[in-house]
């Protein structure tokens, strides 16, 4: 018992929290009989799972999604005219590996933001770094960062994200400062990282 207590304390000091929970479970379940190899494998798997889950939690929190969206909850009702096969291909996040981009357009209330967030959540679950922004709020933040001298730091942070989600693009006209910032973001990411842009405007109206 003293040895087990010491072992648990050492695990905590080493921050092996998954192992701590698994070892406590094995101690409380006296009927469970592990071989040495099985116990080591059980503890290692528990620690790996714990670290993986905490990483996903950190990535999801850092992304600041608008919705707690999941791919499984996307509505494929016929009237929505959504290509389920295409969306499921997005769920594989292969487009991120290929450094491709996704454009989502449609009228208000059809679920563009939810779909973009669901893809983002899926990317986080695969260990990808994601950030979600309402486009207008992003540009406001970038203008503020120019005033306080942190602009390059913010642009650098955006560039490093495996997936950047820009929601509600085009709701407000872009002034010269915002156009420059937008061009800089896209130039930094094009061919290097993936971007999702969701907009109420049809793509042919974006340039204007």
N, C-alpha and C. Protein backbone atom coordinates (compact mmCIF):
# COMPACT_ATOMS: atom_id res chain seq x y z
N UNK A 1 0.83 -1.21 0.00
CA UNK A 1 0.00 0.00 0.00
C UNK A 1 0.87 1.26 0.00
N UNK A 2 1.92 1.28 0.84
CA UNK A 2 2.83 2.43 0.89
C UNK A 2 3.51 2.61 -0.46
N UNK A 3 3.90 1.47 -1.08
CA UNK A 3 4.55 1.54 -2.39
C UNK A 3 3.60 2.12 -3.43
N UNK A 4 2.34 1.70 -3.39
CA UNK A 4 1.36 2.21 -4.35
C UNK A 4 1.13 3.71 -4.17
N UNK A 5 1.08 4.14 -2.90
CA UNK A 5 0.89 5.56 -2.61
C UNK A 5 2.06 6.38 -3.16
N UNK A 6 3.27 5.86 -2.96
CA UNK A 6 4.46 6.55 -3.46
C UNK A 6 4.45 6.59 -4.98
N UNK A 7 4.05 5.48 -5.60
CA UNK A 7 3.99 5.42 -7.06
C UNK A 7 3.00 6.45 -7.60
N UNK A 8 1.83 6.54 -6.96
CA UNK A 8 0.82 7.51 -7.39
C UNK A 8 1.33 8.94 -7.24
N UNK A 9 2.04 9.20 -6.17
CA UNK A 9 2.56 10.54 -5.92
C UNK A 9 3.60 10.89 -6.98
N UNK A 10 4.44 9.93 -7.35
CA UNK A 10 5.44 10.17 -8.38
C UNK A 10 4.79 10.41 -9.75
N UNK A 11 3.73 9.67 -10.02
CA UNK A 11 2.99 9.88 -11.27
C UNK A 11 2.42 11.30 -11.34
N UNK A 12 1.89 11.77 -10.21
CA UNK A 12 1.33 13.12 -10.16
C UNK A 12 2.41 14.16 -10.38
N UNK A 13 3.58 13.96 -9.76
CA UNK A 13 4.67 14.91 -9.92
C UNK A 13 5.15 14.96 -11.37
N UNK A 14 5.09 13.82 -12.04
CA UNK A 14 5.48 13.76 -13.45
C UNK A 14 4.33 14.16 -14.38
N UNK A 15 3.19 14.50 -13.80
CA UNK A 15 2.00 14.91 -14.55
C UNK A 15 1.47 13.80 -15.44
N UNK A 16 1.57 12.57 -14.96
CA UNK A 16 0.99 11.43 -15.67
C UNK A 16 -0.44 11.22 -15.17
N UNK A 17 -1.31 12.19 -15.48
CA UNK A 17 -2.64 12.18 -14.88
C UNK A 17 -3.50 11.03 -15.39
N UNK A 18 -3.31 10.65 -16.63
CA UNK A 18 -4.04 9.50 -17.16
C UNK A 18 -3.64 8.23 -16.45
N UNK A 19 -2.34 8.08 -16.20
CA UNK A 19 -1.86 6.92 -15.47
C UNK A 19 -2.41 6.89 -14.04
N UNK A 20 -2.46 8.06 -13.42
CA UNK A 20 -2.97 8.14 -12.04
C UNK A 20 -4.38 7.59 -11.98
N UNK A 21 -5.24 8.06 -12.88
CA UNK A 21 -6.63 7.60 -12.87
C UNK A 21 -6.72 6.11 -13.17
N UNK A 22 -5.92 5.65 -14.15
CA UNK A 22 -5.97 4.24 -14.51
C UNK A 22 -5.44 3.36 -13.39
N UNK A 23 -4.36 3.80 -12.72
CA UNK A 23 -3.79 3.01 -11.64
C UNK A 23 -4.74 2.96 -10.45
N UNK A 24 -5.38 4.09 -10.15
CA UNK A 24 -6.37 4.10 -9.07
C UNK A 24 -7.52 3.15 -9.38
N UNK A 25 -7.94 3.14 -10.65
CA UNK A 25 -9.02 2.24 -11.05
C UNK A 25 -8.62 0.79 -10.88
N UNK A 26 -7.39 0.47 -11.29
CA UNK A 26 -6.92 -0.92 -11.17
C UNK A 26 -6.78 -1.34 -9.70
N UNK A 27 -6.39 -0.39 -8.84
CA UNK A 27 -6.26 -0.70 -7.41
C UNK A 27 -7.62 -0.92 -6.76
N UNK A 28 -8.61 -0.12 -7.17
CA UNK A 28 -9.94 -0.24 -6.57
C UNK A 28 -10.70 -1.45 -7.09
N UNK A 29 -10.29 -1.96 -8.27
CA UNK A 29 -10.94 -3.14 -8.85
C UNK A 29 -10.08 -4.35 -8.54
N UNK A 30 -10.21 -4.84 -7.35
CA UNK A 30 -9.35 -5.94 -6.91
C UNK A 30 -9.50 -7.20 -7.73
N UNK A 31 -10.64 -7.33 -8.42
CA UNK A 31 -10.87 -8.53 -9.20
C UNK A 31 -10.15 -8.53 -10.54
N UNK A 32 -9.65 -7.36 -10.95
CA UNK A 32 -8.96 -7.26 -12.24
C UNK A 32 -7.54 -7.79 -12.09
N UNK A 33 -7.20 -8.76 -12.92
CA UNK A 33 -5.89 -9.40 -12.81
C UNK A 33 -5.11 -9.17 -14.09
N UNK A 34 -4.11 -8.27 -14.02
CA UNK A 34 -3.27 -7.95 -15.17
C UNK A 34 -1.94 -8.68 -15.07
N UNK A 35 -1.42 -9.09 -16.23
CA UNK A 35 -0.01 -9.49 -16.26
C UNK A 35 0.79 -8.19 -16.23
N UNK A 36 2.10 -8.30 -16.00
CA UNK A 36 2.94 -7.10 -15.99
C UNK A 36 2.85 -6.35 -17.31
N UNK A 37 2.91 -7.10 -18.42
CA UNK A 37 2.85 -6.47 -19.74
C UNK A 37 1.50 -5.78 -19.95
N UNK A 38 0.43 -6.43 -19.53
CA UNK A 38 -0.91 -5.85 -19.70
C UNK A 38 -1.08 -4.59 -18.86
N UNK A 39 -0.55 -4.60 -17.65
CA UNK A 39 -0.67 -3.42 -16.79
C UNK A 39 0.08 -2.23 -17.37
N UNK A 40 1.30 -2.48 -17.86
CA UNK A 40 2.09 -1.40 -18.47
C UNK A 40 1.35 -0.86 -19.70
N UNK A 41 0.84 -1.76 -20.53
CA UNK A 41 0.12 -1.33 -21.73
C UNK A 41 -1.13 -0.53 -21.36
N UNK A 42 -1.83 -0.97 -20.33
CA UNK A 42 -3.05 -0.28 -19.87
C UNK A 42 -2.72 1.13 -19.37
N UNK A 43 -1.66 1.24 -18.58
CA UNK A 43 -1.26 2.55 -18.05
C UNK A 43 -0.79 3.47 -19.17
N UNK A 44 -0.01 2.95 -20.09
CA UNK A 44 0.49 3.78 -21.19
C UNK A 44 -0.65 4.26 -22.09
N UNK A 45 -1.59 3.36 -22.40
CA UNK A 45 -2.72 3.75 -23.24
C UNK A 45 -3.58 4.80 -22.55
N UNK A 46 -3.77 4.64 -21.25
CA UNK A 46 -4.56 5.61 -20.48
C UNK A 46 -3.90 6.97 -20.48
N UNK A 47 -2.58 7.00 -20.35
CA UNK A 47 -1.86 8.27 -20.37
C UNK A 47 -1.92 8.90 -21.75
N UNK A 48 -1.74 8.07 -22.79
CA UNK A 48 -1.81 8.60 -24.15
C UNK A 48 -3.19 9.19 -24.42
N UNK A 49 -4.25 8.47 -24.05
CA UNK A 49 -5.62 8.95 -24.26
C UNK A 49 -5.86 10.26 -23.52
N UNK A 50 -5.37 10.34 -22.29
CA UNK A 50 -5.58 11.55 -21.49
C UNK A 50 -4.89 12.75 -22.13
N UNK A 51 -3.66 12.57 -22.57
CA UNK A 51 -2.92 13.68 -23.19
C UNK A 51 -3.56 14.09 -24.52
N UNK A 52 -4.00 13.09 -25.27
CA UNK A 52 -4.67 13.38 -26.55
C UNK A 52 -5.94 14.18 -26.33
N UNK A 53 -6.74 13.77 -25.34
CA UNK A 53 -7.99 14.46 -25.07
C UNK A 53 -7.75 15.88 -24.55
N UNK A 54 -6.71 16.05 -23.73
CA UNK A 54 -6.41 17.40 -23.24
C UNK A 54 -5.90 18.29 -24.36
N UNK A 55 -5.16 17.71 -25.30
CA UNK A 55 -4.69 18.49 -26.45
C UNK A 55 -5.87 18.97 -27.28
N UNK A 56 -6.83 18.07 -27.53
CA UNK A 56 -8.02 18.45 -28.29
C UNK A 56 -8.78 19.55 -27.56
N UNK A 57 -8.88 19.42 -26.25
CA UNK A 57 -9.58 20.44 -25.46
C UNK A 57 -8.89 21.79 -25.57
N UNK A 58 -7.55 21.78 -25.51
CA UNK A 58 -6.80 23.04 -25.65
C UNK A 58 -6.99 23.65 -27.04
N UNK A 59 -6.90 22.82 -28.07
CA UNK A 59 -7.05 23.32 -29.43
C UNK A 59 -8.45 23.88 -29.66
N UNK A 60 -9.45 23.19 -29.14
CA UNK A 60 -10.84 23.63 -29.32
C UNK A 60 -11.08 24.94 -28.58
N UNK A 61 -10.54 25.07 -27.39
CA UNK A 61 -10.70 26.31 -26.63
C UNK A 61 -10.01 27.47 -27.33
N UNK A 62 -8.81 27.22 -27.86
CA UNK A 62 -8.05 28.28 -28.53
C UNK A 62 -8.72 28.73 -29.82
N UNK A 63 -9.50 27.83 -30.45
CA UNK A 63 -10.14 28.16 -31.72
C UNK A 63 -11.26 29.19 -31.56
N UNK A 64 -11.90 29.19 -30.39
CA UNK A 64 -12.99 30.15 -30.11
C UNK A 64 -14.12 30.04 -31.11
N UNK A 65 -14.64 28.84 -31.25
CA UNK A 65 -15.73 28.61 -32.19
C UNK A 65 -17.01 29.32 -31.77
N UNK A 66 -17.79 29.67 -32.77
CA UNK A 66 -19.09 30.29 -32.52
C UNK A 66 -20.10 29.27 -32.02
N UNK A 67 -20.00 28.05 -32.53
CA UNK A 67 -20.92 26.98 -32.17
C UNK A 67 -20.14 25.75 -31.69
N UNK A 68 -20.76 25.01 -30.78
CA UNK A 68 -20.22 23.70 -30.41
C UNK A 68 -20.71 22.68 -31.40
N UNK A 69 -20.26 22.81 -32.65
CA UNK A 69 -20.82 22.05 -33.76
C UNK A 69 -20.07 20.74 -33.98
N UNK A 70 -20.79 19.74 -34.47
CA UNK A 70 -20.19 18.45 -34.82
C UNK A 70 -20.69 18.03 -36.19
N UNK A 71 -19.86 17.31 -36.92
CA UNK A 71 -20.22 16.89 -38.27
C UNK A 71 -21.48 16.02 -38.27
N UNK A 72 -21.63 15.20 -37.23
CA UNK A 72 -22.75 14.26 -37.18
C UNK A 72 -24.10 14.96 -37.10
N UNK A 73 -24.10 16.22 -36.66
CA UNK A 73 -25.37 16.94 -36.46
C UNK A 73 -25.77 17.79 -37.66
N UNK A 74 -24.98 17.78 -38.72
CA UNK A 74 -25.33 18.55 -39.92
C UNK A 74 -26.59 17.96 -40.55
N UNK A 75 -27.52 18.85 -40.89
CA UNK A 75 -28.81 18.44 -41.45
C UNK A 75 -28.69 18.31 -42.97
N UNK A 76 -29.00 17.11 -43.48
CA UNK A 76 -28.93 16.87 -44.93
C UNK A 76 -30.32 16.75 -45.55
N UNK A 77 -31.28 17.48 -45.00
CA UNK A 77 -32.62 17.47 -45.57
C UNK A 77 -32.57 17.86 -47.05
N UNK A 78 -33.38 17.23 -47.89
CA UNK A 78 -33.31 17.47 -49.35
C UNK A 78 -33.41 18.94 -49.74
N UNK A 79 -34.25 19.70 -49.01
CA UNK A 79 -34.44 21.10 -49.38
C UNK A 79 -33.20 21.95 -49.13
N UNK A 80 -32.25 21.43 -48.36
CA UNK A 80 -31.03 22.20 -48.09
C UNK A 80 -30.00 22.05 -49.22
N UNK A 81 -30.20 21.03 -50.05
CA UNK A 81 -29.36 20.86 -51.25
C UNK A 81 -27.87 20.81 -50.89
N UNK A 82 -27.53 20.02 -49.87
CA UNK A 82 -26.14 19.86 -49.44
C UNK A 82 -25.61 18.52 -49.94
N UNK A 83 -24.46 18.52 -50.54
CA UNK A 83 -23.83 17.30 -51.02
C UNK A 83 -23.19 16.58 -49.83
N UNK A 84 -23.84 15.54 -49.35
CA UNK A 84 -23.36 14.83 -48.16
C UNK A 84 -21.98 14.22 -48.39
N UNK A 85 -21.76 13.68 -49.57
CA UNK A 85 -20.46 13.08 -49.87
C UNK A 85 -19.35 14.11 -49.79
N UNK A 86 -19.62 15.32 -50.31
CA UNK A 86 -18.62 16.38 -50.29
C UNK A 86 -18.31 16.79 -48.86
N UNK A 87 -19.36 16.96 -48.05
CA UNK A 87 -19.16 17.36 -46.65
C UNK A 87 -18.39 16.29 -45.89
N UNK A 88 -18.69 15.04 -46.15
CA UNK A 88 -17.97 13.96 -45.47
C UNK A 88 -16.51 13.91 -45.90
N UNK A 89 -16.23 14.32 -47.12
CA UNK A 89 -14.82 14.41 -47.53
C UNK A 89 -14.12 15.53 -46.76
N UNK A 90 -14.85 16.62 -46.51
CA UNK A 90 -14.27 17.68 -45.67
C UNK A 90 -13.97 17.15 -44.27
N UNK A 91 -14.82 16.24 -43.79
CA UNK A 91 -14.66 15.70 -42.43
C UNK A 91 -13.35 14.92 -42.28
N UNK A 92 -12.82 14.42 -43.38
CA UNK A 92 -11.53 13.71 -43.31
C UNK A 92 -10.38 14.68 -43.11
N UNK A 93 -10.64 15.98 -43.35
CA UNK A 93 -9.63 17.05 -43.25
C UNK A 93 -8.45 16.83 -44.19
N UNK A 94 -8.69 16.05 -45.24
CA UNK A 94 -7.65 15.85 -46.24
C UNK A 94 -7.31 17.17 -46.93
N UNK A 95 -8.31 18.06 -47.03
CA UNK A 95 -8.07 19.35 -47.69
C UNK A 95 -7.04 20.19 -46.91
N UNK A 96 -6.96 19.96 -45.59
CA UNK A 96 -5.95 20.68 -44.80
C UNK A 96 -4.56 20.14 -45.12
N UNK A 97 -4.46 18.82 -45.22
CA UNK A 97 -3.17 18.23 -45.57
C UNK A 97 -2.71 18.73 -46.94
N UNK A 98 -3.66 18.91 -47.86
CA UNK A 98 -3.34 19.35 -49.21
C UNK A 98 -3.22 20.88 -49.30
N UNK A 99 -3.49 21.56 -48.17
CA UNK A 99 -3.42 23.03 -48.11
C UNK A 99 -4.40 23.67 -49.09
N UNK A 100 -5.58 23.10 -49.15
CA UNK A 100 -6.65 23.63 -49.99
C UNK A 100 -7.60 24.49 -49.16
N UNK A 101 -8.47 25.22 -49.85
CA UNK A 101 -9.40 26.14 -49.18
C UNK A 101 -10.84 25.74 -49.47
N UNK A 102 -11.75 26.19 -48.60
CA UNK A 102 -13.17 25.87 -48.74
C UNK A 102 -13.97 27.17 -48.68
N UNK A 103 -14.87 27.34 -49.64
CA UNK A 103 -15.76 28.49 -49.65
C UNK A 103 -17.19 27.99 -49.43
N UNK A 104 -17.88 28.59 -48.46
CA UNK A 104 -19.25 28.20 -48.13
C UNK A 104 -20.14 29.43 -48.31
N UNK A 105 -21.11 29.35 -49.21
CA UNK A 105 -22.01 30.49 -49.43
C UNK A 105 -23.46 30.04 -49.32
N UNK A 106 -24.33 30.99 -49.01
CA UNK A 106 -25.75 30.70 -48.88
C UNK A 106 -26.43 31.83 -48.14
N UNK A 107 -27.74 31.83 -48.19
CA UNK A 107 -28.50 32.91 -47.56
C UNK A 107 -28.46 32.79 -46.04
N UNK A 108 -28.97 33.81 -45.36
CA UNK A 108 -28.97 33.85 -43.90
C UNK A 108 -29.74 32.67 -43.32
N UNK A 109 -29.17 32.03 -42.32
CA UNK A 109 -29.88 30.99 -41.59
C UNK A 109 -29.81 29.59 -42.16
N UNK A 110 -29.02 29.38 -43.23
CA UNK A 110 -28.97 28.04 -43.82
C UNK A 110 -27.95 27.13 -43.14
N UNK A 111 -27.15 27.68 -42.24
CA UNK A 111 -26.22 26.85 -41.49
C UNK A 111 -24.77 26.91 -41.93
N UNK A 112 -24.40 28.00 -42.58
CA UNK A 112 -23.00 28.14 -43.05
C UNK A 112 -22.03 28.15 -41.88
N UNK A 113 -22.34 28.96 -40.86
CA UNK A 113 -21.44 29.09 -39.70
C UNK A 113 -21.33 27.77 -38.96
N UNK A 114 -22.45 27.06 -38.86
CA UNK A 114 -22.45 25.77 -38.16
C UNK A 114 -21.56 24.78 -38.91
N UNK A 115 -21.72 24.72 -40.22
CA UNK A 115 -20.91 23.78 -41.00
C UNK A 115 -19.43 24.11 -40.90
N UNK A 116 -19.10 25.40 -41.01
CA UNK A 116 -17.69 25.80 -40.90
C UNK A 116 -17.13 25.43 -39.53
N UNK A 117 -17.93 25.66 -38.50
CA UNK A 117 -17.49 25.32 -37.14
C UNK A 117 -17.35 23.82 -36.96
N UNK A 118 -18.26 23.05 -37.55
CA UNK A 118 -18.19 21.59 -37.44
C UNK A 118 -16.91 21.06 -38.07
N UNK A 119 -16.56 21.60 -39.24
CA UNK A 119 -15.31 21.19 -39.89
C UNK A 119 -14.12 21.58 -39.02
N UNK A 120 -14.21 22.78 -38.41
CA UNK A 120 -13.14 23.22 -37.52
C UNK A 120 -12.98 22.33 -36.31
N UNK A 121 -14.10 21.94 -35.69
CA UNK A 121 -14.05 21.02 -34.56
C UNK A 121 -13.42 19.69 -34.97
N UNK A 122 -13.80 19.22 -36.16
CA UNK A 122 -13.24 17.96 -36.65
C UNK A 122 -11.73 18.08 -36.80
N UNK A 123 -11.28 19.22 -37.32
CA UNK A 123 -9.84 19.44 -37.48
C UNK A 123 -9.13 19.44 -36.13
N UNK A 124 -9.74 20.08 -35.13
CA UNK A 124 -9.16 20.07 -33.77
C UNK A 124 -9.03 18.65 -33.24
N UNK A 125 -10.06 17.83 -33.49
CA UNK A 125 -10.03 16.45 -33.00
C UNK A 125 -8.91 15.65 -33.64
N UNK A 126 -8.40 16.13 -34.77
CA UNK A 126 -7.29 15.47 -35.45
C UNK A 126 -5.96 16.15 -35.14
N UNK A 127 -5.99 17.04 -34.15
CA UNK A 127 -4.75 17.67 -33.70
C UNK A 127 -4.32 18.88 -34.49
N UNK A 128 -5.22 19.43 -35.31
CA UNK A 128 -4.89 20.60 -36.12
C UNK A 128 -5.15 21.89 -35.34
N UNK A 129 -4.32 22.90 -35.58
CA UNK A 129 -4.52 24.22 -34.96
C UNK A 129 -5.51 25.01 -35.80
N UNK A 130 -6.55 25.50 -35.14
CA UNK A 130 -7.64 26.17 -35.83
C UNK A 130 -7.98 27.48 -35.11
N UNK A 131 -8.35 28.50 -35.88
CA UNK A 131 -8.91 29.72 -35.29
C UNK A 131 -10.13 30.12 -36.09
N UNK A 132 -11.19 30.52 -35.35
CA UNK A 132 -12.44 30.95 -35.95
C UNK A 132 -12.64 32.43 -35.68
N UNK A 133 -13.04 33.18 -36.71
CA UNK A 133 -13.28 34.61 -36.54
C UNK A 133 -14.53 35.04 -37.30
N UNK A 134 -15.32 35.90 -36.69
CA UNK A 134 -16.24 36.73 -37.44
C UNK A 134 -15.34 37.74 -38.16
N UNK A 135 -15.49 37.85 -39.48
CA UNK A 135 -14.55 38.63 -40.26
C UNK A 135 -14.48 40.09 -39.82
N UNK A 136 -15.63 40.69 -39.57
CA UNK A 136 -15.65 42.10 -39.15
C UNK A 136 -14.90 42.29 -37.84
N UNK A 137 -15.09 41.36 -36.89
CA UNK A 137 -14.40 41.46 -35.61
C UNK A 137 -12.90 41.25 -35.77
N UNK A 138 -12.53 40.38 -36.70
CA UNK A 138 -11.11 40.17 -36.96
C UNK A 138 -10.46 41.45 -37.45
N UNK A 139 -11.10 42.12 -38.40
CA UNK A 139 -10.53 43.35 -38.94
C UNK A 139 -10.47 44.46 -37.88
N UNK A 140 -11.47 44.50 -37.00
CA UNK A 140 -11.43 45.47 -35.91
C UNK A 140 -10.24 45.19 -35.00
N UNK A 141 -10.02 43.92 -34.71
CA UNK A 141 -8.88 43.53 -33.87
C UNK A 141 -7.55 43.89 -34.53
N UNK A 142 -7.47 43.67 -35.83
CA UNK A 142 -6.22 43.98 -36.54
C UNK A 142 -5.96 45.48 -36.58
N UNK A 143 -7.02 46.28 -36.72
CA UNK A 143 -6.84 47.73 -36.68
C UNK A 143 -6.32 48.17 -35.32
N UNK A 144 -6.89 47.58 -34.28
CA UNK A 144 -6.44 47.90 -32.92
C UNK A 144 -4.98 47.49 -32.72
N UNK A 145 -4.61 46.34 -33.28
CA UNK A 145 -3.23 45.86 -33.13
C UNK A 145 -2.23 46.75 -33.85
N UNK A 146 -2.68 47.41 -34.92
CA UNK A 146 -1.79 48.36 -35.59
C UNK A 146 -1.52 49.56 -34.68
N UNK A 147 -2.54 49.93 -33.93
CA UNK A 147 -2.39 51.08 -33.03
C UNK A 147 -1.49 50.77 -31.85
N UNK A 148 -1.55 49.52 -31.35
CA UNK A 148 -0.74 49.20 -30.15
C UNK A 148 0.57 48.48 -30.49
N UNK A 149 0.85 48.31 -31.80
CA UNK A 149 2.14 47.74 -32.20
C UNK A 149 2.21 46.23 -32.24
N UNK A 150 1.06 45.56 -32.11
CA UNK A 150 1.09 44.09 -32.09
C UNK A 150 0.60 43.47 -33.41
N UNK A 151 0.51 44.28 -34.46
CA UNK A 151 -0.05 43.81 -35.74
C UNK A 151 0.74 42.63 -36.30
N UNK A 152 2.04 42.75 -36.37
CA UNK A 152 2.86 41.68 -36.96
C UNK A 152 2.73 40.39 -36.16
N UNK A 153 2.61 40.52 -34.84
CA UNK A 153 2.42 39.35 -33.98
C UNK A 153 1.09 38.66 -34.29
N UNK A 154 0.04 39.46 -34.47
CA UNK A 154 -1.28 38.90 -34.76
C UNK A 154 -1.30 38.24 -36.14
N UNK A 155 -0.71 38.89 -37.13
CA UNK A 155 -0.65 38.32 -38.48
C UNK A 155 0.16 37.02 -38.46
N UNK A 156 1.25 37.02 -37.70
CA UNK A 156 2.06 35.81 -37.59
C UNK A 156 1.30 34.66 -36.95
N UNK A 157 0.48 34.98 -35.98
CA UNK A 157 -0.35 33.96 -35.31
C UNK A 157 -1.36 33.36 -36.27
N UNK A 158 -1.98 34.21 -37.08
CA UNK A 158 -2.94 33.73 -38.07
C UNK A 158 -2.26 32.83 -39.09
N UNK A 159 -1.06 33.22 -39.50
CA UNK A 159 -0.34 32.46 -40.52
C UNK A 159 -0.02 31.04 -40.07
N UNK A 160 0.17 30.86 -38.77
CA UNK A 160 0.59 29.56 -38.24
C UNK A 160 -0.55 28.56 -38.09
N UNK A 161 -1.79 29.03 -38.15
CA UNK A 161 -2.93 28.13 -37.95
C UNK A 161 -3.07 27.17 -39.14
N UNK A 162 -3.28 25.90 -38.83
CA UNK A 162 -3.49 24.93 -39.92
C UNK A 162 -4.78 25.24 -40.67
N UNK A 163 -5.78 25.76 -39.94
CA UNK A 163 -7.05 26.12 -40.56
C UNK A 163 -7.54 27.44 -39.96
N UNK A 164 -7.80 28.40 -40.82
CA UNK A 164 -8.36 29.68 -40.40
C UNK A 164 -9.78 29.77 -40.96
N UNK A 165 -10.76 30.04 -40.09
CA UNK A 165 -12.15 30.15 -40.52
C UNK A 165 -12.57 31.62 -40.43
N UNK A 166 -12.95 32.18 -41.58
CA UNK A 166 -13.43 33.56 -41.64
C UNK A 166 -14.93 33.52 -41.94
N UNK A 167 -15.73 33.84 -40.95
CA UNK A 167 -17.18 33.74 -41.07
C UNK A 167 -17.79 35.11 -41.36
N UNK A 168 -18.97 35.09 -41.97
CA UNK A 168 -19.71 36.33 -42.27
C UNK A 168 -18.88 37.29 -43.11
N UNK A 169 -18.15 36.75 -44.05
CA UNK A 169 -17.33 37.60 -44.92
C UNK A 169 -18.23 38.42 -45.84
N UNK A 170 -17.90 39.71 -46.02
CA UNK A 170 -18.58 40.55 -46.98
C UNK A 170 -19.83 41.24 -46.47
N UNK A 171 -20.15 41.10 -45.19
CA UNK A 171 -21.34 41.78 -44.66
C UNK A 171 -21.15 43.30 -44.66
N UNK A 172 -19.88 43.72 -44.48
CA UNK A 172 -19.56 45.14 -44.51
C UNK A 172 -18.50 45.37 -45.59
N UNK A 173 -18.59 46.49 -46.32
CA UNK A 173 -17.55 46.79 -47.31
C UNK A 173 -16.19 46.94 -46.64
N UNK A 174 -15.15 46.54 -47.35
CA UNK A 174 -13.79 46.64 -46.81
C UNK A 174 -13.19 47.99 -47.19
N UNK A 175 -12.69 48.70 -46.19
CA UNK A 175 -11.96 49.93 -46.51
C UNK A 175 -10.53 49.57 -46.92
N UNK A 176 -9.73 50.57 -47.24
CA UNK A 176 -8.37 50.30 -47.74
C UNK A 176 -7.52 49.53 -46.73
N UNK A 177 -7.65 49.89 -45.46
CA UNK A 177 -6.85 49.22 -44.42
C UNK A 177 -7.24 47.75 -44.32
N UNK A 178 -8.54 47.48 -44.30
CA UNK A 178 -9.00 46.10 -44.19
C UNK A 178 -8.70 45.29 -45.44
N UNK A 179 -8.78 45.91 -46.60
CA UNK A 179 -8.42 45.20 -47.84
C UNK A 179 -6.96 44.78 -47.80
N UNK A 180 -6.12 45.68 -47.33
CA UNK A 180 -4.69 45.36 -47.24
C UNK A 180 -4.46 44.22 -46.26
N UNK A 181 -5.12 44.26 -45.12
CA UNK A 181 -4.97 43.20 -44.11
C UNK A 181 -5.46 41.87 -44.67
N UNK A 182 -6.61 41.90 -45.35
CA UNK A 182 -7.18 40.68 -45.91
C UNK A 182 -6.24 40.08 -46.95
N UNK A 183 -5.70 40.92 -47.83
CA UNK A 183 -4.77 40.44 -48.84
C UNK A 183 -3.53 39.83 -48.19
N UNK A 184 -3.05 40.47 -47.14
CA UNK A 184 -1.86 39.98 -46.45
C UNK A 184 -2.11 38.60 -45.83
N UNK A 185 -3.29 38.44 -45.21
CA UNK A 185 -3.65 37.15 -44.59
C UNK A 185 -3.69 36.06 -45.66
N UNK A 186 -4.39 36.34 -46.76
CA UNK A 186 -4.54 35.33 -47.81
C UNK A 186 -3.20 35.02 -48.48
N UNK A 187 -2.40 36.04 -48.73
CA UNK A 187 -1.09 35.81 -49.35
C UNK A 187 -0.19 34.96 -48.46
N UNK A 188 -0.24 35.23 -47.15
CA UNK A 188 0.59 34.48 -46.21
C UNK A 188 0.19 33.00 -46.17
N UNK A 189 -1.11 32.72 -46.38
CA UNK A 189 -1.62 31.36 -46.19
C UNK A 189 -1.72 30.57 -47.49
N UNK A 190 -1.84 31.27 -48.62
CA UNK A 190 -2.11 30.57 -49.88
C UNK A 190 -0.99 29.58 -50.22
N UNK A 191 -1.40 28.33 -50.42
CA UNK A 191 -0.45 27.28 -50.75
C UNK A 191 0.33 26.75 -49.56
N UNK A 192 0.10 27.33 -48.36
CA UNK A 192 0.81 26.91 -47.16
C UNK A 192 -0.14 26.35 -46.10
N UNK A 193 -1.29 26.98 -45.95
CA UNK A 193 -2.29 26.58 -44.96
C UNK A 193 -3.67 26.65 -45.58
N UNK A 194 -4.66 26.13 -44.86
CA UNK A 194 -6.03 26.12 -45.38
C UNK A 194 -6.88 27.20 -44.73
N UNK A 195 -7.83 27.72 -45.51
CA UNK A 195 -8.74 28.75 -45.04
C UNK A 195 -10.16 28.39 -45.45
N UNK A 196 -11.10 28.56 -44.55
CA UNK A 196 -12.52 28.44 -44.87
C UNK A 196 -13.13 29.84 -44.81
N UNK A 197 -13.82 30.24 -45.86
CA UNK A 197 -14.53 31.51 -45.86
C UNK A 197 -16.01 31.23 -46.05
N UNK A 198 -16.83 31.74 -45.12
CA UNK A 198 -18.28 31.58 -45.20
C UNK A 198 -18.90 32.95 -45.42
N UNK A 199 -19.85 33.02 -46.35
CA UNK A 199 -20.41 34.32 -46.71
C UNK A 199 -21.84 34.19 -47.20
N UNK A 200 -22.63 35.24 -46.93
CA UNK A 200 -23.97 35.33 -47.51
C UNK A 200 -23.92 35.75 -48.97
N UNK A 201 -22.83 36.40 -49.36
CA UNK A 201 -22.70 36.90 -50.73
C UNK A 201 -22.28 35.78 -51.68
N UNK A 202 -22.88 35.69 -52.85
CA UNK A 202 -22.36 34.75 -53.86
C UNK A 202 -20.95 35.16 -54.26
N UNK A 203 -20.14 34.19 -54.61
CA UNK A 203 -18.72 34.44 -54.85
C UNK A 203 -18.50 35.49 -55.94
N UNK A 204 -19.38 35.52 -56.96
CA UNK A 204 -19.19 36.48 -58.04
C UNK A 204 -19.34 37.93 -57.58
N UNK A 205 -19.90 38.14 -56.37
CA UNK A 205 -20.06 39.49 -55.84
C UNK A 205 -18.91 39.90 -54.91
N UNK A 206 -17.99 38.98 -54.64
CA UNK A 206 -16.94 39.26 -53.66
C UNK A 206 -16.01 40.39 -54.10
N UNK A 207 -15.61 40.39 -55.34
CA UNK A 207 -14.64 41.39 -55.79
C UNK A 207 -15.21 42.78 -55.65
N UNK A 208 -16.45 42.95 -56.08
CA UNK A 208 -17.08 44.25 -55.95
C UNK A 208 -17.25 44.64 -54.50
